[in-house]
Amino acid sequence: MGRRGYPPEFRRKVLDLVEAGRPVVDVARDLGISAQSIYVWRKQDRIDKGLEPGLSSAERSELSAAQRRIAELETELAVHRRASELLGKVVPPKGATKRSR
């Protein structure tokens, strides 16, 4: 499965099995998932509990949402700048008049 392919409830149950003393490799083999996934989930769980430094899941989610919004706004700004540039070539600036000779 791809990134974030397992529901949070499944991850929690896997971590509970590991915390109960079952070896990570055994749990991974029995459930058909990679041991590396379990190690990553365990590290993130420790960060969320404040036992290790790092971004919590909530902070990570908030940061991702902010980065997506920034990308949207930058795209929107680029469109507005381009439209303004094109309109400036077609429509003279306000207050500008043609001089008669």
PDB file of N, CA and C in Angstrom:
ATOM      1  N   MET A   1       0.834  -1.195   0.000  1.00  0.00           N
ATOM      2  CA  MET A   1       0.000   0.000   0.000  1.00  0.00           C
ATOM      3  C   MET A   1       0.872   1.248   0.000  1.00  0.00           C
ATOM      4  N   GLY A   2       0.297   2.327  -0.438  1.00  0.00           N
ATOM      5  CA  GLY A   2       1.032   3.582  -0.510  1.00  0.00           C
ATOM      6  C   GLY A   2       1.093   4.282   0.831  1.00  0.00           C
ATOM      7  N   ARG A   3       1.632   5.432   0.782  1.00  0.00           N
ATOM      8  CA  ARG A   3       1.765   6.268   1.964  1.00  0.00           C
ATOM      9  C   ARG A   3       0.392   6.524   2.574  1.00  0.00           C
ATOM     10  N   ARG A   4       0.313   6.430   3.873  1.00  0.00           N
ATOM     11  CA  ARG A   4      -0.926   6.631   4.616  1.00  0.00           C
ATOM     12  C   ARG A   4      -2.008   5.640   4.183  1.00  0.00           C
ATOM     13  N   GLY A   5      -1.581   4.445   3.848  1.00  0.00           N
ATOM     14  CA  GLY A   5      -2.515   3.454   3.363  1.00  0.00           C
ATOM     15  C   GLY A   5      -3.227   2.679   4.461  1.00  0.00           C
ATOM     16  N   TYR A   6      -2.805   2.833   5.699  1.00  0.00           N
ATOM     17  CA  TYR A   6      -3.411   2.079   6.787  1.00  0.00           C
ATOM     18  C   TYR A   6      -4.191   3.037   7.690  1.00  0.00           C
ATOM     19  N   PRO A   7      -5.396   2.627   8.099  1.00  0.00           N
ATOM     20  CA  PRO A   7      -6.188   3.500   8.969  1.00  0.00           C
ATOM     21  C   PRO A   7      -5.541   3.656  10.348  1.00  0.00           C
ATOM     22  N   PRO A   8      -5.798   4.772  11.008  1.00  0.00           N
ATOM     23  CA  PRO A   8      -5.205   5.017  12.332  1.00  0.00           C
ATOM     24  C   PRO A   8      -5.523   3.924  13.355  1.00  0.00           C
ATOM     25  N   GLU A   9      -6.721   3.338  13.270  1.00  0.00           N
ATOM     26  CA  GLU A   9      -7.098   2.286  14.225  1.00  0.00           C
ATOM     27  C   GLU A   9      -6.182   1.064  14.066  1.00  0.00           C
ATOM     28  N   PHE A  10      -5.881   0.733  12.816  1.00  0.00           N
ATOM     29  CA  PHE A  10      -4.991  -0.393  12.534  1.00  0.00           C
ATOM     30  C   PHE A  10      -3.596  -0.098  13.086  1.00  0.00           C
ATOM     31  N   ARG A  11      -3.113   1.103  12.829  1.00  0.00           N
ATOM     32  CA  ARG A  11      -1.784   1.484  13.330  1.00  0.00           C
ATOM     33  C   ARG A  11      -1.728   1.375  14.850  1.00  0.00           C
ATOM     34  N   ARG A  12      -2.805   1.863  15.505  1.00  0.00           N
ATOM     35  CA  ARG A  12      -2.847   1.833  16.972  1.00  0.00           C
ATOM     36  C   ARG A  12      -2.796   0.392  17.470  1.00  0.00           C
ATOM     37  N   LYS A  13      -3.537  -0.511  16.835  1.00  0.00           N
ATOM     38  CA  LYS A  13      -3.540  -1.917  17.261  1.00  0.00           C
ATOM     39  C   LYS A  13      -2.167  -2.551  17.059  1.00  0.00           C
ATOM     40  N   VAL A  14      -1.511  -2.210  15.970  1.00  0.00           N
ATOM     41  CA  VAL A  14      -0.163  -2.726  15.709  1.00  0.00           C
ATOM     42  C   VAL A  14       0.786  -2.233  16.803  1.00  0.00           C
ATOM     43  N   LEU A  15       0.710  -0.948  17.127  1.00  0.00           N
ATOM     44  CA  LEU A  15       1.579  -0.396  18.169  1.00  0.00           C
ATOM     45  C   LEU A  15       1.275  -1.007  19.533  1.00  0.00           C
ATOM     46  N   ASP A  16       0.009  -1.296  19.800  1.00  0.00           N
ATOM     47  CA  ASP A  16      -0.351  -1.955  21.059  1.00  0.00           C
ATOM     48  C   ASP A  16       0.281  -3.347  21.154  1.00  0.00           C
ATOM     49  N   LEU A  17       0.295  -4.074  20.027  1.00  0.00           N
ATOM     50  CA  LEU A  17       0.936  -5.399  20.018  1.00  0.00           C
ATOM     51  C   LEU A  17       2.428  -5.287  20.316  1.00  0.00           C
ATOM     52  N   VAL A  18       3.076  -4.294  19.712  1.00  0.00           N
ATOM     53  CA  VAL A  18       4.517  -4.103  19.930  1.00  0.00           C
ATOM     54  C   VAL A  18       4.779  -3.682  21.370  1.00  0.00           C
ATOM     55  N   GLU A  19       3.937  -2.772  21.883  1.00  0.00           N
ATOM     56  CA  GLU A  19       4.117  -2.317  23.273  1.00  0.00           C
ATOM     57  C   GLU A  19       3.863  -3.439  24.273  1.00  0.00           C
ATOM     58  N   ALA A  20       3.042  -4.425  23.869  1.00  0.00           N
ATOM     59  CA  ALA A  20       2.759  -5.566  24.745  1.00  0.00           C
ATOM     60  C   ALA A  20       3.927  -6.551  24.786  1.00  0.00           C
ATOM     61  N   GLY A  21       4.954  -6.304  23.956  1.00  0.00           N
ATOM     62  CA  GLY A  21       6.140  -7.143  24.016  1.00  0.00           C
ATOM     63  C   GLY A  21       6.394  -8.018  22.799  1.00  0.00           C
ATOM     64  N   ARG A  22       5.505  -7.980  21.826  1.00  0.00           N
ATOM     65  CA  ARG A  22       5.745  -8.790  20.625  1.00  0.00           C
ATOM     66  C   ARG A  22       6.825  -8.127  19.773  1.00  0.00           C
ATOM     67  N   PRO A  23       7.751  -8.902  19.241  1.00  0.00           N
ATOM     68  CA  PRO A  23       8.806  -8.328  18.394  1.00  0.00           C
ATOM     69  C   PRO A  23       8.217  -7.703  17.116  1.00  0.00           C
ATOM     70  N   VAL A  24       8.793  -6.596  16.710  1.00  0.00           N
ATOM     71  CA  VAL A  24       8.324  -5.867  15.539  1.00  0.00           C
ATOM     72  C   VAL A  24       8.323  -6.763  14.302  1.00  0.00           C
ATOM     73  N   VAL A  25       9.387  -7.535  14.112  1.00  0.00           N
ATOM     74  CA  VAL A  25       9.471  -8.381  12.910  1.00  0.00           C
ATOM     75  C   VAL A  25       8.379  -9.442  12.888  1.00  0.00           C
ATOM     76  N   ASP A  26       8.008  -9.972  14.063  1.00  0.00           N
ATOM     77  CA  ASP A  26       6.934 -10.966  14.128  1.00  0.00           C
ATOM     78  C   ASP A  26       5.582 -10.345  13.793  1.00  0.00           C
ATOM     79  N   VAL A  27       5.314  -9.185  14.360  1.00  0.00           N
ATOM     80  CA  VAL A  27       4.053  -8.486  14.084  1.00  0.00           C
ATOM     81  C   VAL A  27       3.970  -8.149  12.600  1.00  0.00           C
ATOM     82  N   ALA A  28       5.058  -7.641  12.053  1.00  0.00           N
ATOM     83  CA  ALA A  28       5.084  -7.266  10.635  1.00  0.00           C
ATOM     84  C   ALA A  28       4.817  -8.484   9.746  1.00  0.00           C
ATOM     85  N   ARG A  29       5.483  -9.567  10.042  1.00  0.00           N
ATOM     86  CA  ARG A  29       5.309 -10.783   9.241  1.00  0.00           C
ATOM     87  C   ARG A  29       3.876 -11.311   9.351  1.00  0.00           C
ATOM     88  N   ASP A  30       3.348 -11.356  10.570  1.00  0.00           N
ATOM     89  CA  ASP A  30       1.996 -11.893  10.792  1.00  0.00           C
ATOM     90  C   ASP A  30       0.923 -11.050  10.101  1.00  0.00           C
ATOM     91  N   LEU A  31       1.124  -9.734  10.026  1.00  0.00           N
ATOM     92  CA  LEU A  31       0.117  -8.835   9.455  1.00  0.00           C
ATOM     93  C   LEU A  31       0.396  -8.474   7.998  1.00  0.00           C
ATOM     94  N   GLY A  32       1.547  -8.898   7.485  1.00  0.00           N
ATOM     95  CA  GLY A  32       1.859  -8.626   6.088  1.00  0.00           C
ATOM     96  C   GLY A  32       2.211  -7.180   5.795  1.00  0.00           C
ATOM     97  N   ILE A  33       2.836  -6.529   6.758  1.00  0.00           N
ATOM     98  CA  ILE A  33       3.289  -5.141   6.556  1.00  0.00           C
ATOM     99  C   ILE A  33       4.795  -5.093   6.792  1.00  0.00           C
ATOM    100  N   SER A  34       5.407  -4.005   6.392  1.00  0.00           N
ATOM    101  CA  SER A  34       6.857  -3.918   6.573  1.00  0.00           C
ATOM    102  C   SER A  34       7.197  -3.528   8.009  1.00  0.00           C
ATOM    103  N   ALA A  35       8.302  -4.066   8.485  1.00  0.00           N
ATOM    104  CA  ALA A  35       8.776  -3.721   9.820  1.00  0.00           C
ATOM    105  C   ALA A  35       9.134  -2.242   9.877  1.00  0.00           C
ATOM    106  N   GLN A  36       9.642  -1.709   8.765  1.00  0.00           N
ATOM    107  CA  GLN A  36      10.009  -0.292   8.724  1.00  0.00           C
ATOM    108  C   GLN A  36       8.795   0.600   8.989  1.00  0.00           C
ATOM    109  N   SER A  37       7.640   0.210   8.457  1.00  0.00           N
ATOM    110  CA  SER A  37       6.415   0.984   8.709  1.00  0.00           C
ATOM    111  C   SER A  37       6.124   1.040  10.196  1.00  0.00           C
ATOM    112  N   ILE A  38       6.267  -0.088  10.858  1.00  0.00           N
ATOM    113  CA  ILE A  38       5.998  -0.137  12.300  1.00  0.00           C
ATOM    114  C   ILE A  38       6.978   0.751  13.058  1.00  0.00           C
ATOM    115  N   TYR A  39       8.253   0.710  12.667  1.00  0.00           N
ATOM    116  CA  TYR A  39       9.243   1.562  13.336  1.00  0.00           C
ATOM    117  C   TYR A  39       8.905   3.047  13.156  1.00  0.00           C
ATOM    118  N   VAL A  40       8.472   3.410  11.946  1.00  0.00           N
ATOM    119  CA  VAL A  40       8.093   4.810  11.675  1.00  0.00           C
ATOM    120  C   VAL A  40       6.879   5.200  12.524  1.00  0.00           C
ATOM    121  N   TRP A  41       5.875   4.320  12.573  1.00  0.00           N
ATOM    122  CA  TRP A  41       4.678   4.602  13.368  1.00  0.00           C
ATOM    123  C   TRP A  41       5.028   4.728  14.848  1.00  0.00           C
ATOM    124  N   ARG A  42       5.928   3.852  15.321  1.00  0.00           N
ATOM    125  CA  ARG A  42       6.323   3.889  16.733  1.00  0.00           C
ATOM    126  C   ARG A  42       7.051   5.191  17.058  1.00  0.00           C
ATOM    127  N   LYS A  43       7.936   5.612  16.160  1.00  0.00           N
ATOM    128  CA  LYS A  43       8.656   6.871  16.387  1.00  0.00           C
ATOM    129  C   LYS A  43       7.677   8.043  16.427  1.00  0.00           C
ATOM    130  N   GLN A  44       6.717   8.081  15.473  1.00  0.00           N
ATOM    131  CA  GLN A  44       5.741   9.171  15.458  1.00  0.00           C
ATOM    132  C   GLN A  44       4.875   9.134  16.718  1.00  0.00           C
ATOM    133  N   ASP A  45       4.531   7.958  17.193  1.00  0.00           N
ATOM    134  CA  ASP A  45       3.742   7.822  18.418  1.00  0.00           C
ATOM    135  C   ASP A  45       4.511   8.385  19.614  1.00  0.00           C
ATOM    136  N   ARG A  46       5.803   8.113  19.659  1.00  0.00           N
ATOM    137  CA  ARG A  46       6.634   8.639  20.750  1.00  0.00           C
ATOM    138  C   ARG A  46       6.734  10.164  20.672  1.00  0.00           C
ATOM    139  N   ILE A  47       6.793  10.701  19.464  1.00  0.00           N
ATOM    140  CA  ILE A  47       6.820  12.161  19.287  1.00  0.00           C
ATOM    141  C   ILE A  47       5.492  12.752  19.751  1.00  0.00           C
ATOM    142  N   ASP A  48       4.374  12.128  19.351  1.00  0.00           N
ATOM    143  CA  ASP A  48       3.051  12.619  19.744  1.00  0.00           C
ATOM    144  C   ASP A  48       2.858  12.596  21.253  1.00  0.00           C
ATOM    145  N   LYS A  49       3.487  11.627  21.922  1.00  0.00           N
ATOM    146  CA  LYS A  49       3.382  11.527  23.379  1.00  0.00           C
ATOM    147  C   LYS A  49       4.368  12.445  24.095  1.00  0.00           C
ATOM    148  N   GLY A  50       5.227  13.129  23.335  1.00  0.00           N
ATOM    149  CA  GLY A  50       6.195  14.042  23.937  1.00  0.00           C
ATOM    150  C   GLY A  50       7.445  13.367  24.457  1.00  0.00           C
ATOM    151  N   LEU A  51       7.671  12.126  24.090  1.00  0.00           N
ATOM    152  CA  LEU A  51       8.842  11.388  24.560  1.00  0.00           C
ATOM    153  C   LEU A  51      10.068  11.629  23.693  1.00  0.00           C
ATOM    154  N   GLU A  52       9.860  12.102  22.471  1.00  0.00           N
ATOM    155  CA  GLU A  52      10.950  12.406  21.544  1.00  0.00           C
ATOM    156  C   GLU A  52      10.670  13.759  20.910  1.00  0.00           C
ATOM    157  N   PRO A  53      11.730  14.474  20.536  1.00  0.00           N
ATOM    158  CA  PRO A  53      11.519  15.751  19.850  1.00  0.00           C
ATOM    159  C   PRO A  53      11.080  15.520  18.401  1.00  0.00           C
ATOM    160  N   GLY A  54      10.340  16.458  17.881  1.00  0.00           N
ATOM    161  CA  GLY A  54       9.892  16.385  16.494  1.00  0.00           C
ATOM    162  C   GLY A  54       8.503  16.978  16.338  1.00  0.00           C
ATOM    163  N   LEU A  55       8.011  17.003  15.105  1.00  0.00           N
ATOM    164  CA  LEU A  55       6.681  17.528  14.820  1.00  0.00           C
ATOM    165  C   LEU A  55       5.626  16.482  15.161  1.00  0.00           C
ATOM    166  N   SER A  56       4.633  16.883  15.935  1.00  0.00           N
ATOM    167  CA  SER A  56       3.544  15.962  16.250  1.00  0.00           C
ATOM    168  C   SER A  56       2.685  15.762  15.008  1.00  0.00           C
ATOM    169  N   SER A  57       1.826  14.765  15.054  1.00  0.00           N
ATOM    170  CA  SER A  57       0.947  14.489  13.922  1.00  0.00           C
ATOM    171  C   SER A  57       0.070  15.695  13.605  1.00  0.00           C
ATOM    172  N   ALA A  58      -0.437  16.361  14.649  1.00  0.00           N
ATOM    173  CA  ALA A  58      -1.291  17.535  14.454  1.00  0.00           C
ATOM    174  C   ALA A  58      -0.490  18.667  13.803  1.00  0.00           C
ATOM    175  N   GLU A  59       0.725  18.884  14.280  1.00  0.00           N
ATOM    176  CA  GLU A  59       1.576  19.936  13.698  1.00  0.00           C
ATOM    177  C   GLU A  59       1.929  19.617  12.249  1.00  0.00           C
ATOM    178  N   ARG A  60       2.214  18.352  11.987  1.00  0.00           N
ATOM    179  CA  ARG A  60       2.537  17.907  10.635  1.00  0.00           C
ATOM    180  C   ARG A  60       1.365  18.154   9.685  1.00  0.00           C
ATOM    181  N   SER A  61       0.166  17.831  10.150  1.00  0.00           N
ATOM    182  CA  SER A  61      -1.047  18.023   9.359  1.00  0.00           C
ATOM    183  C   SER A  61      -1.284  19.512   9.097  1.00  0.00           C
ATOM    184  N   GLU A  62      -1.116  20.327  10.124  1.00  0.00           N
ATOM    185  CA  GLU A  62      -1.295  21.778   9.996  1.00  0.00           C
ATOM    186  C   GLU A  62      -0.265  22.368   9.032  1.00  0.00           C
ATOM    187  N   LEU A  63       0.959  21.903   9.117  1.00  0.00           N
ATOM    188  CA  LEU A  63       2.012  22.383   8.229  1.00  0.00           C
ATOM    189  C   LEU A  63       1.711  22.013   6.777  1.00  0.00           C
ATOM    190  N   SER A  64       1.253  20.795   6.548  1.00  0.00           N
ATOM    191  CA  SER A  64       0.901  20.369   5.188  1.00  0.00           C
ATOM    192  C   SER A  64      -0.229  21.221   4.624  1.00  0.00           C
ATOM    193  N   ALA A  65      -1.245  21.488   5.441  1.00  0.00           N
ATOM    194  CA  ALA A  65      -2.371  22.309   4.994  1.00  0.00           C
ATOM    195  C   ALA A  65      -1.893  23.722   4.666  1.00  0.00           C
ATOM    196  N   ALA A  66      -1.009  24.267   5.488  1.00  0.00           N
ATOM    197  CA  ALA A  66      -0.485  25.615   5.248  1.00  0.00           C
ATOM    198  C   ALA A  66       0.341  25.648   3.955  1.00  0.00           C
ATOM    199  N   GLN A  67       1.142  24.624   3.727  1.00  0.00           N
ATOM    200  CA  GLN A  67       1.950  24.575   2.500  1.00  0.00           C
ATOM    201  C   GLN A  67       1.073  24.471   1.254  1.00  0.00           C
ATOM    202  N   ARG A  68      -0.003  23.682   1.348  1.00  0.00           N
ATOM    203  CA  ARG A  68      -0.935  23.588   0.210  1.00  0.00           C
ATOM    204  C   ARG A  68      -1.591  24.943  -0.052  1.00  0.00           C
ATOM    205  N   ARG A  69      -2.006  25.628   1.016  1.00  0.00           N
ATOM    206  CA  ARG A  69      -2.665  26.933   0.869  1.00  0.00           C
ATOM    207  C   ARG A  69      -1.696  27.953   0.283  1.00  0.00           C
ATOM    208  N   ILE A  70      -0.462  27.948   0.708  1.00  0.00           N
ATOM    209  CA  ILE A  70       0.544  28.864   0.169  1.00  0.00           C
ATOM    210  C   ILE A  70       0.732  28.616  -1.317  1.00  0.00           C
ATOM    211  N   ALA A  71       0.804  27.355  -1.713  1.00  0.00           N
ATOM    212  CA  ALA A  71       0.958  27.023  -3.139  1.00  0.00           C
ATOM    213  C   ALA A  71      -0.236  27.531  -3.941  1.00  0.00           C
ATOM    214  N   GLU A  72      -1.447  27.359  -3.403  1.00  0.00           N
ATOM    215  CA  GLU A  72      -2.653  27.863  -4.077  1.00  0.00           C
ATOM    216  C   GLU A  72      -2.593  29.380  -4.237  1.00  0.00           C
ATOM    217  N   LEU A  73      -2.223  30.072  -3.168  1.00  0.00           N
ATOM    218  CA  LEU A  73      -2.162  31.535  -3.204  1.00  0.00           C
ATOM    219  C   LEU A  73      -1.086  32.034  -4.165  1.00  0.00           C
ATOM    220  N   GLU A  74       0.047  31.339  -4.208  1.00  0.00           N
ATOM    221  CA  GLU A  74       1.103  31.729  -5.141  1.00  0.00           C
ATOM    222  C   GLU A  74       0.650  31.556  -6.584  1.00  0.00           C
ATOM    223  N   THR A  75      -0.087  30.491  -6.851  1.00  0.00           N
ATOM    224  CA  THR A  75      -0.629  30.268  -8.197  1.00  0.00           C
ATOM    225  C   THR A  75      -1.632  31.358  -8.544  1.00  0.00           C
ATOM    226  N   GLU A  76      -2.505  31.658  -7.610  1.00  0.00           N
ATOM    227  CA  GLU A  76      -3.509  32.706  -7.829  1.00  0.00           C
ATOM    228  C   GLU A  76      -2.836  34.060  -8.075  1.00  0.00           C
ATOM    229  N   LEU A  77      -1.809  34.358  -7.299  1.00  0.00           N
ATOM    230  CA  LEU A  77      -1.083  35.620  -7.465  1.00  0.00           C
ATOM    231  C   LEU A  77      -0.419  35.689  -8.834  1.00  0.00           C
ATOM    232  N   ALA A  78       0.153  34.587  -9.285  1.00  0.00           N
ATOM    233  CA  ALA A  78       0.787  34.553 -10.601  1.00  0.00           C
ATOM    234  C   ALA A  78      -0.236  34.816 -11.700  1.00  0.00           C
ATOM    235  N   VAL A  79      -1.430  34.263 -11.554  1.00  0.00           N
ATOM    236  CA  VAL A  79      -2.498  34.496 -12.539  1.00  0.00           C
ATOM    237  C   VAL A  79      -2.877  35.973 -12.557  1.00  0.00           C
ATOM    238  N   HIS A  80      -3.039  36.566 -11.386  1.00  0.00           N
ATOM    239  CA  HIS A  80      -3.407  37.989 -11.306  1.00  0.00           C
ATOM    240  C   HIS A  80      -2.314  38.879 -11.891  1.00  0.00           C
ATOM    241  N   ARG A  81      -1.079  38.549 -11.601  1.00  0.00           N
ATOM    242  CA  ARG A  81       0.027  39.351 -12.156  1.00  0.00           C
ATOM    243  C   ARG A  81       0.047  39.278 -13.681  1.00  0.00           C
ATOM    244  N   ARG A  82      -0.148  38.073 -14.200  1.00  0.00           N
ATOM    245  CA  ARG A  82      -0.148  37.893 -15.655  1.00  0.00           C
ATOM    246  C   ARG A  82      -1.329  38.631 -16.287  1.00  0.00           C
ATOM    247  N   ALA A  83      -2.500  38.551 -15.677  1.00  0.00           N
ATOM    248  CA  ALA A  83      -3.679  39.254 -16.191  1.00  0.00           C
ATOM    249  C   ALA A  83      -3.451  40.760 -16.171  1.00  0.00           C
ATOM    250  N   SER A  84      -2.860  41.253 -15.107  1.00  0.00           N
ATOM    251  CA  SER A  84      -2.573  42.684 -15.000  1.00  0.00           C
ATOM    252  C   SER A  84      -1.581  43.113 -16.078  1.00  0.00           C
ATOM    253  N   GLU A  85      -0.599  42.277 -16.301  1.00  0.00           N
ATOM    254  CA  GLU A  85       0.398  42.554 -17.335  1.00  0.00           C
ATOM    255  C   GLU A  85      -0.263  42.621 -18.720  1.00  0.00           C
ATOM    256  N   LEU A  86      -1.128  41.681 -19.015  1.00  0.00           N
ATOM    257  CA  LEU A  86      -1.809  41.656 -20.306  1.00  0.00           C
ATOM    258  C   LEU A  86      -2.782  42.828 -20.455  1.00  0.00           C
ATOM    259  N   LEU A  87      -3.496  43.145 -19.392  1.00  0.00           N
ATOM    260  CA  LEU A  87      -4.432  44.283 -19.452  1.00  0.00           C
ATOM    261  C   LEU A  87      -3.690  45.609 -19.607  1.00  0.00           C
ATOM    262  N   GLY A  88      -2.521  45.711 -19.021  1.00  0.00           N
ATOM    263  CA  GLY A  88      -1.728  46.930 -19.135  1.00  0.00           C
ATOM    264  C   GLY A  88      -1.315  47.213 -20.567  1.00  0.00           C
ATOM    265  N   LYS A  89      -1.182  46.175 -21.353  1.00  0.00           N
ATOM    266  CA  LYS A  89      -0.813  46.352 -22.760  1.00  0.00           C
ATOM    267  C   LYS A  89      -2.012  46.760 -23.602  1.00  0.00           C
ATOM    268  N   VAL A  90      -3.212  46.395 -23.172  1.00  0.00           N
ATOM    269  CA  VAL A  90      -4.424  46.657 -23.948  1.00  0.00           C
ATOM    270  C   VAL A  90      -5.113  47.939 -23.503  1.00  0.00           C
ATOM    271  N   VAL A  91      -5.235  48.133 -22.215  1.00  0.00           N
ATOM    272  CA  VAL A  91      -5.950  49.286 -21.668  1.00  0.00           C
ATOM    273  C   VAL A  91      -4.931  50.264 -21.098  1.00  0.00           C
ATOM    274  N   PRO A  92      -5.001  51.535 -21.524  1.00  0.00           N
ATOM    275  CA  PRO A  92      -4.066  52.519 -20.969  1.00  0.00           C
ATOM    276  C   PRO A  92      -4.350  52.752 -19.484  1.00  0.00           C
ATOM    277  N   PRO A  93      -3.328  53.125 -18.719  1.00  0.00           N
ATOM    278  CA  PRO A  93      -3.531  53.379 -17.293  1.00  0.00           C
ATOM    279  C   PRO A  93      -4.570  54.479 -17.077  1.00  0.00           C
ATOM    280  N   LYS A  94      -5.268  54.424 -15.956  1.00  0.00           N
ATOM    281  CA  LYS A  94      -6.309  55.395 -15.631  1.00  0.00           C
ATOM    282  C   LYS A  94      -5.704  56.794 -15.564  1.00  0.00           C
ATOM    283  N   GLY A  95      -6.350  57.726 -16.204  1.00  0.00           N
ATOM    284  CA  GLY A  95      -5.878  59.102 -16.189  1.00  0.00           C
ATOM    285  C   GLY A  95      -4.958  59.415 -17.363  1.00  0.00           C
ATOM    286  N   ALA A  96      -4.530  58.432 -18.068  1.00  0.00           N
ATOM    287  CA  ALA A  96      -3.670  58.665 -19.225  1.00  0.00           C
ATOM    288  C   ALA A  96      -4.551  59.040 -20.420  1.00  0.00           C
ATOM    289  N   THR A  97      -4.165  60.065 -21.115  1.00  0.00           N
ATOM    290  CA  THR A  97      -4.920  60.486 -22.294  1.00  0.00           C
ATOM    291  C   THR A  97      -4.002  60.538 -23.483  1.00  0.00           C
ATOM    292  N   LYS A  98      -4.621  60.429 -24.645  1.00  0.00           N
ATOM    293  CA  LYS A  98      -3.828  60.541 -25.860  1.00  0.00           C
ATOM    294  C   LYS A  98      -3.614  62.017 -26.151  1.00  0.00           C
ATOM    295  N   ARG A  99      -2.430  62.365 -26.443  1.00  0.00           N
ATOM    296  CA  ARG A  99      -2.149  63.775 -26.764  1.00  0.00           C
ATOM    297  C   ARG A  99      -2.404  64.011 -28.242  1.00  0.00           C
ATOM    298  N   SER A 100      -3.070  65.109 -28.531  1.00  0.00           N
ATOM    299  CA  SER A 100      -3.299  65.430 -29.936  1.00  0.00           C
ATOM    300  C   SER A 100      -2.205  66.374 -30.415  1.00  0.00           C
ATOM    301  N   ARG A 101      -1.787  66.173 -31.612  1.00  0.00           N
ATOM    302  CA  ARG A 101      -0.676  66.963 -32.132  1.00  0.00           C
ATOM    303  C   ARG A 101      -1.127  67.962 -33.108  1.00  0.00           C
TER     304      ARG A 101
END
